[in-house]
Amino acid sequence: TGLRVRGIMSRNAMLNSPVQGSGANVTLWCLIRLQYLIEKYNYPVQLIYQIHDDIGCRCKREFIPEWDKIMHKVMCEETKKVFPWLDTPLQTEPEYSNTSWANKQADIPERISA
């Protein structure tokens, strides 16, 4: 992954480092690509946070179905082209909330079921 680890590592840390490091690199690439698209096309979206493999956005309600498709394309299709060594099926699990992250829910079934 290009990241260095120094010192004594536990067995679990040794086994998890390549997977977690690669996952972090893929997530970072997705964030950069999404921000590029937001700026290029002036999408009504703000990237708010990233925790592990969770990317949080603020988006206009009427743009949610379109943004869901864009995120899915970047995170599942484009990622496979940039990282061809990924042999695990990728998927997105969109969740939405009108109020806060704590109240999010999966409520856009047309893309989830597609």
N, C-alpha and C. Protein backbone atom coordinates (compact mmCIF):
# COMPACT_ATOMS: atom_id res chain seq x y z
N THR A 1 0.81 -1.20 0.00
CA THR A 1 0.00 0.00 0.00
C THR A 1 0.85 1.26 0.00
N GLY A 2 2.14 1.12 0.16
CA GLY A 2 2.99 2.30 0.18
C GLY A 2 3.13 2.94 1.55
N LEU A 3 2.41 2.46 2.53
CA LEU A 3 2.49 3.00 3.88
C LEU A 3 3.44 2.14 4.70
N ARG A 4 4.21 2.77 5.55
CA ARG A 4 5.17 2.03 6.37
C ARG A 4 4.65 1.86 7.79
N VAL A 5 4.93 0.71 8.35
CA VAL A 5 4.59 0.43 9.74
C VAL A 5 5.88 0.12 10.46
N ARG A 6 6.07 0.75 11.59
CA ARG A 6 7.31 0.52 12.34
C ARG A 6 6.98 -0.07 13.69
N GLY A 7 7.90 -0.86 14.19
CA GLY A 7 7.73 -1.44 15.51
C GLY A 7 7.13 -2.82 15.43
N ILE A 8 6.97 -3.42 16.58
CA ILE A 8 6.42 -4.76 16.68
C ILE A 8 4.92 -4.71 16.47
N MET A 9 4.42 -5.61 15.64
CA MET A 9 2.98 -5.65 15.35
C MET A 9 2.41 -6.96 15.88
N SER A 10 1.17 -6.91 16.34
CA SER A 10 0.49 -8.13 16.74
C SER A 10 0.16 -8.93 15.49
N ARG A 11 -0.19 -10.18 15.66
CA ARG A 11 -0.55 -11.03 14.53
C ARG A 11 -1.72 -10.42 13.76
N ASN A 12 -2.77 -9.99 14.48
CA ASN A 12 -3.93 -9.40 13.82
C ASN A 12 -3.56 -8.14 13.06
N ALA A 13 -2.75 -7.30 13.67
CA ALA A 13 -2.32 -6.07 13.01
C ALA A 13 -1.53 -6.38 11.75
N MET A 14 -0.69 -7.39 11.83
CA MET A 14 0.12 -7.78 10.67
C MET A 14 -0.77 -8.28 9.53
N LEU A 15 -1.78 -9.07 9.86
CA LEU A 15 -2.67 -9.61 8.83
C LEU A 15 -3.63 -8.56 8.28
N ASN A 16 -4.07 -7.62 9.12
CA ASN A 16 -5.05 -6.62 8.70
C ASN A 16 -4.44 -5.43 7.96
N SER A 17 -3.18 -5.12 8.20
CA SER A 17 -2.57 -3.92 7.62
C SER A 17 -2.69 -3.83 6.10
N PRO A 18 -2.37 -4.89 5.34
CA PRO A 18 -2.49 -4.76 3.89
C PRO A 18 -3.94 -4.53 3.43
N VAL A 19 -4.89 -5.18 4.09
CA VAL A 19 -6.30 -5.03 3.71
C VAL A 19 -6.80 -3.64 4.08
N GLN A 20 -6.56 -3.22 5.31
CA GLN A 20 -7.05 -1.92 5.76
C GLN A 20 -6.34 -0.79 5.04
N GLY A 21 -5.06 -0.94 4.78
CA GLY A 21 -4.32 0.09 4.06
C GLY A 21 -4.83 0.24 2.64
N SER A 22 -5.09 -0.88 1.98
CA SER A 22 -5.62 -0.84 0.62
C SER A 22 -7.01 -0.23 0.61
N GLY A 23 -7.83 -0.60 1.57
CA GLY A 23 -9.17 -0.03 1.67
C GLY A 23 -9.14 1.47 1.88
N ALA A 24 -8.21 1.92 2.69
CA ALA A 24 -8.07 3.36 2.93
C ALA A 24 -7.64 4.08 1.65
N ASN A 25 -6.73 3.47 0.89
CA ASN A 25 -6.28 4.08 -0.36
C ASN A 25 -7.42 4.15 -1.38
N VAL A 26 -8.23 3.11 -1.46
CA VAL A 26 -9.37 3.09 -2.39
C VAL A 26 -10.39 4.16 -1.97
N THR A 27 -10.69 4.24 -0.68
CA THR A 27 -11.64 5.24 -0.19
C THR A 27 -11.13 6.65 -0.46
N LEU A 28 -9.84 6.89 -0.24
CA LEU A 28 -9.25 8.20 -0.52
C LEU A 28 -9.38 8.54 -2.00
N TRP A 29 -9.11 7.57 -2.88
CA TRP A 29 -9.25 7.81 -4.31
C TRP A 29 -10.69 8.18 -4.65
N CYS A 30 -11.66 7.48 -4.05
CA CYS A 30 -13.08 7.78 -4.28
C CYS A 30 -13.42 9.20 -3.84
N LEU A 31 -12.92 9.61 -2.68
CA LEU A 31 -13.17 10.97 -2.20
C LEU A 31 -12.62 12.01 -3.17
N ILE A 32 -11.41 11.80 -3.64
CA ILE A 32 -10.79 12.74 -4.57
C ILE A 32 -11.58 12.80 -5.87
N ARG A 33 -11.98 11.65 -6.38
CA ARG A 33 -12.74 11.59 -7.64
C ARG A 33 -14.11 12.25 -7.48
N LEU A 34 -14.80 11.98 -6.37
CA LEU A 34 -16.11 12.60 -6.13
C LEU A 34 -15.99 14.11 -6.02
N GLN A 35 -14.98 14.61 -5.30
CA GLN A 35 -14.79 16.06 -5.17
C GLN A 35 -14.49 16.68 -6.53
N TYR A 36 -13.71 15.99 -7.35
CA TYR A 36 -13.42 16.47 -8.70
C TYR A 36 -14.72 16.61 -9.50
N LEU A 37 -15.58 15.61 -9.45
CA LEU A 37 -16.85 15.65 -10.19
C LEU A 37 -17.76 16.76 -9.66
N ILE A 38 -17.80 16.92 -8.34
CA ILE A 38 -18.61 17.99 -7.74
C ILE A 38 -18.18 19.35 -8.29
N GLU A 39 -16.89 19.59 -8.32
CA GLU A 39 -16.38 20.87 -8.79
C GLU A 39 -16.53 21.03 -10.30
N LYS A 40 -16.26 19.97 -11.06
CA LYS A 40 -16.32 20.05 -12.52
C LYS A 40 -17.74 20.34 -13.02
N TYR A 41 -18.72 19.64 -12.44
CA TYR A 41 -20.10 19.76 -12.91
C TYR A 41 -20.98 20.63 -12.00
N ASN A 42 -20.37 21.23 -10.99
CA ASN A 42 -21.09 22.11 -10.07
C ASN A 42 -22.31 21.40 -9.44
N TYR A 43 -22.10 20.17 -9.03
CA TYR A 43 -23.18 19.41 -8.38
C TYR A 43 -23.54 20.05 -7.05
N PRO A 44 -24.81 20.00 -6.67
CA PRO A 44 -25.24 20.59 -5.39
C PRO A 44 -24.97 19.63 -4.22
N VAL A 45 -23.69 19.32 -4.03
CA VAL A 45 -23.29 18.32 -3.04
C VAL A 45 -22.05 18.83 -2.30
N GLN A 46 -21.97 18.51 -1.01
CA GLN A 46 -20.77 18.76 -0.21
C GLN A 46 -20.35 17.45 0.41
N LEU A 47 -19.07 17.11 0.29
CA LEU A 47 -18.55 15.97 1.03
C LEU A 47 -18.30 16.45 2.46
N ILE A 48 -18.90 15.78 3.44
CA ILE A 48 -18.86 16.25 4.82
C ILE A 48 -17.86 15.47 5.67
N TYR A 49 -17.87 14.16 5.56
CA TYR A 49 -16.97 13.35 6.39
C TYR A 49 -16.67 12.02 5.73
N GLN A 50 -15.65 11.37 6.24
CA GLN A 50 -15.30 10.01 5.85
C GLN A 50 -14.86 9.29 7.11
N ILE A 51 -15.50 8.18 7.41
CA ILE A 51 -15.14 7.34 8.56
C ILE A 51 -15.02 5.92 8.03
N HIS A 52 -13.83 5.37 8.11
CA HIS A 52 -13.53 4.04 7.56
C HIS A 52 -13.95 4.00 6.10
N ASP A 53 -14.96 3.23 5.74
CA ASP A 53 -15.40 3.17 4.34
C ASP A 53 -16.73 3.89 4.14
N ASP A 54 -17.08 4.75 5.07
CA ASP A 54 -18.34 5.50 5.02
C ASP A 54 -18.04 6.93 4.58
N ILE A 55 -18.70 7.38 3.51
CA ILE A 55 -18.53 8.75 3.02
C ILE A 55 -19.84 9.49 3.24
N GLY A 56 -19.79 10.58 3.99
CA GLY A 56 -20.98 11.37 4.28
C GLY A 56 -21.04 12.61 3.41
N CYS A 57 -22.21 12.88 2.86
CA CYS A 57 -22.41 14.02 1.96
C CYS A 57 -23.62 14.83 2.40
N ARG A 58 -23.62 16.08 2.00
CA ARG A 58 -24.82 16.92 2.11
C ARG A 58 -25.25 17.18 0.67
N CYS A 59 -26.52 16.90 0.40
CA CYS A 59 -27.01 16.93 -0.98
C CYS A 59 -28.44 17.46 -1.02
N LYS A 60 -28.76 18.22 -2.06
CA LYS A 60 -30.15 18.67 -2.22
C LYS A 60 -31.04 17.45 -2.44
N ARG A 61 -32.19 17.45 -1.80
CA ARG A 61 -33.09 16.30 -1.82
C ARG A 61 -33.41 15.85 -3.25
N GLU A 62 -33.69 16.79 -4.14
CA GLU A 62 -34.09 16.42 -5.49
C GLU A 62 -32.92 15.84 -6.30
N PHE A 63 -31.69 16.02 -5.83
CA PHE A 63 -30.52 15.49 -6.53
C PHE A 63 -30.08 14.13 -5.99
N ILE A 64 -30.69 13.67 -4.92
CA ILE A 64 -30.28 12.41 -4.28
C ILE A 64 -30.26 11.22 -5.25
N PRO A 65 -31.32 10.96 -6.04
CA PRO A 65 -31.25 9.79 -6.94
C PRO A 65 -30.09 9.88 -7.93
N GLU A 66 -29.84 11.05 -8.48
CA GLU A 66 -28.73 11.23 -9.42
C GLU A 66 -27.38 11.04 -8.73
N TRP A 67 -27.23 11.64 -7.53
CA TRP A 67 -25.97 11.53 -6.79
C TRP A 67 -25.72 10.09 -6.37
N ASP A 68 -26.75 9.38 -6.02
CA ASP A 68 -26.63 7.97 -5.67
C ASP A 68 -26.02 7.19 -6.83
N LYS A 69 -26.49 7.45 -8.05
CA LYS A 69 -25.96 6.76 -9.23
C LYS A 69 -24.51 7.14 -9.50
N ILE A 70 -24.19 8.42 -9.32
CA ILE A 70 -22.82 8.88 -9.53
C ILE A 70 -21.87 8.22 -8.53
N MET A 71 -22.27 8.22 -7.26
CA MET A 71 -21.42 7.60 -6.23
C MET A 71 -21.23 6.11 -6.51
N HIS A 72 -22.31 5.45 -6.89
CA HIS A 72 -22.21 4.01 -7.19
C HIS A 72 -21.25 3.77 -8.35
N LYS A 73 -21.35 4.59 -9.39
CA LYS A 73 -20.48 4.43 -10.55
C LYS A 73 -19.01 4.63 -10.15
N VAL A 74 -18.73 5.69 -9.40
CA VAL A 74 -17.35 5.96 -8.97
C VAL A 74 -16.84 4.85 -8.07
N MET A 75 -17.63 4.49 -7.07
CA MET A 75 -17.14 3.58 -6.03
C MET A 75 -17.13 2.12 -6.45
N CYS A 76 -17.95 1.74 -7.41
CA CYS A 76 -18.03 0.33 -7.79
C CYS A 76 -17.48 0.03 -9.19
N GLU A 77 -17.66 0.95 -10.12
CA GLU A 77 -17.22 0.70 -11.49
C GLU A 77 -15.86 1.32 -11.79
N GLU A 78 -15.73 2.63 -11.55
CA GLU A 78 -14.46 3.29 -11.84
C GLU A 78 -13.33 2.77 -10.95
N THR A 79 -13.66 2.46 -9.73
CA THR A 79 -12.65 1.94 -8.79
C THR A 79 -12.02 0.66 -9.32
N LYS A 80 -12.82 -0.22 -9.91
CA LYS A 80 -12.30 -1.48 -10.45
C LYS A 80 -11.33 -1.23 -11.61
N LYS A 81 -11.54 -0.14 -12.36
CA LYS A 81 -10.65 0.17 -13.48
C LYS A 81 -9.32 0.75 -12.98
N VAL A 82 -9.39 1.55 -11.92
CA VAL A 82 -8.19 2.18 -11.37
C VAL A 82 -7.38 1.19 -10.54
N PHE A 83 -8.08 0.29 -9.84
CA PHE A 83 -7.44 -0.72 -9.00
C PHE A 83 -7.81 -2.11 -9.53
N PRO A 84 -7.23 -2.52 -10.65
CA PRO A 84 -7.64 -3.79 -11.29
C PRO A 84 -7.35 -5.02 -10.44
N TRP A 85 -6.50 -4.90 -9.44
CA TRP A 85 -6.20 -6.04 -8.57
C TRP A 85 -7.32 -6.33 -7.58
N LEU A 86 -8.32 -5.43 -7.48
CA LEU A 86 -9.46 -5.69 -6.59
C LEU A 86 -10.29 -6.83 -7.19
N ASP A 87 -10.36 -7.92 -6.50
CA ASP A 87 -11.14 -9.05 -7.02
C ASP A 87 -12.39 -9.32 -6.17
N THR A 88 -12.71 -8.40 -5.30
CA THR A 88 -13.89 -8.51 -4.45
C THR A 88 -15.02 -7.69 -5.06
N PRO A 89 -16.24 -8.24 -5.13
CA PRO A 89 -17.35 -7.42 -5.63
C PRO A 89 -17.56 -6.20 -4.72
N LEU A 90 -17.73 -5.04 -5.34
CA LEU A 90 -17.94 -3.81 -4.58
C LEU A 90 -19.40 -3.42 -4.65
N GLN A 91 -19.89 -2.80 -3.60
CA GLN A 91 -21.28 -2.34 -3.59
C GLN A 91 -21.38 -1.09 -2.73
N THR A 92 -22.45 -0.33 -2.95
CA THR A 92 -22.74 0.83 -2.11
C THR A 92 -24.03 0.56 -1.35
N GLU A 93 -24.12 1.13 -0.19
CA GLU A 93 -25.32 1.00 0.64
C GLU A 93 -25.75 2.40 1.06
N PRO A 94 -26.47 3.10 0.17
CA PRO A 94 -26.83 4.49 0.50
C PRO A 94 -27.84 4.58 1.63
N GLU A 95 -27.64 5.58 2.47
CA GLU A 95 -28.55 5.88 3.56
C GLU A 95 -28.77 7.38 3.57
N TYR A 96 -29.98 7.81 3.91
CA TYR A 96 -30.35 9.22 3.82
C TYR A 96 -31.04 9.68 5.09
N SER A 97 -30.94 10.96 5.37
CA SER A 97 -31.58 11.53 6.54
C SER A 97 -31.97 12.98 6.25
N ASN A 98 -33.10 13.40 6.77
CA ASN A 98 -33.51 14.80 6.67
C ASN A 98 -32.92 15.64 7.78
N THR A 99 -32.45 14.99 8.85
CA THR A 99 -32.02 15.76 10.01
C THR A 99 -30.54 15.60 10.31
N SER A 100 -30.10 14.40 10.64
CA SER A 100 -28.71 14.21 11.04
C SER A 100 -28.24 12.81 10.69
N TRP A 101 -26.94 12.62 10.81
CA TRP A 101 -26.35 11.31 10.54
C TRP A 101 -26.97 10.24 11.43
N ALA A 102 -27.31 10.58 12.65
CA ALA A 102 -27.88 9.62 13.59
C ALA A 102 -29.25 9.12 13.15
N ASN A 103 -29.95 9.89 12.32
CA ASN A 103 -31.30 9.52 11.89
C ASN A 103 -31.36 9.02 10.46
N LYS A 104 -30.23 8.66 9.88
CA LYS A 104 -30.21 8.25 8.47
C LYS A 104 -30.98 6.95 8.27
N GLN A 105 -31.46 6.77 7.04
CA GLN A 105 -32.20 5.55 6.72
C GLN A 105 -32.05 5.25 5.23
N ALA A 106 -32.18 4.00 4.88
CA ALA A 106 -32.14 3.61 3.47
C ALA A 106 -33.55 3.78 2.91
N ASP A 107 -33.72 4.79 2.03
CA ASP A 107 -35.08 5.06 1.55
C ASP A 107 -35.16 5.39 0.06
N ILE A 108 -34.14 5.02 -0.71
CA ILE A 108 -34.20 5.22 -2.16
C ILE A 108 -34.15 3.82 -2.80
N PRO A 109 -35.27 3.11 -2.84
CA PRO A 109 -35.26 1.71 -3.25
C PRO A 109 -34.98 1.48 -4.74
N GLU A 110 -35.22 2.46 -5.62
CA GLU A 110 -35.05 2.19 -7.05
C GLU A 110 -33.61 1.81 -7.43
N ARG A 111 -32.59 2.40 -6.76
CA ARG A 111 -31.21 2.06 -7.08
C ARG A 111 -30.76 0.85 -6.28
N ILE A 112 -31.24 0.71 -5.08
CA ILE A 112 -30.85 -0.40 -4.22
C ILE A 112 -31.31 -1.72 -4.83
N SER A 113 -32.50 -1.73 -5.39
CA SER A 113 -33.04 -2.97 -5.94
C SER A 113 -32.56 -3.22 -7.37
N ALA A 114 -31.95 -2.22 -8.01
CA ALA A 114 -31.51 -2.38 -9.40
C ALA A 114 -30.29 -3.26 -9.50
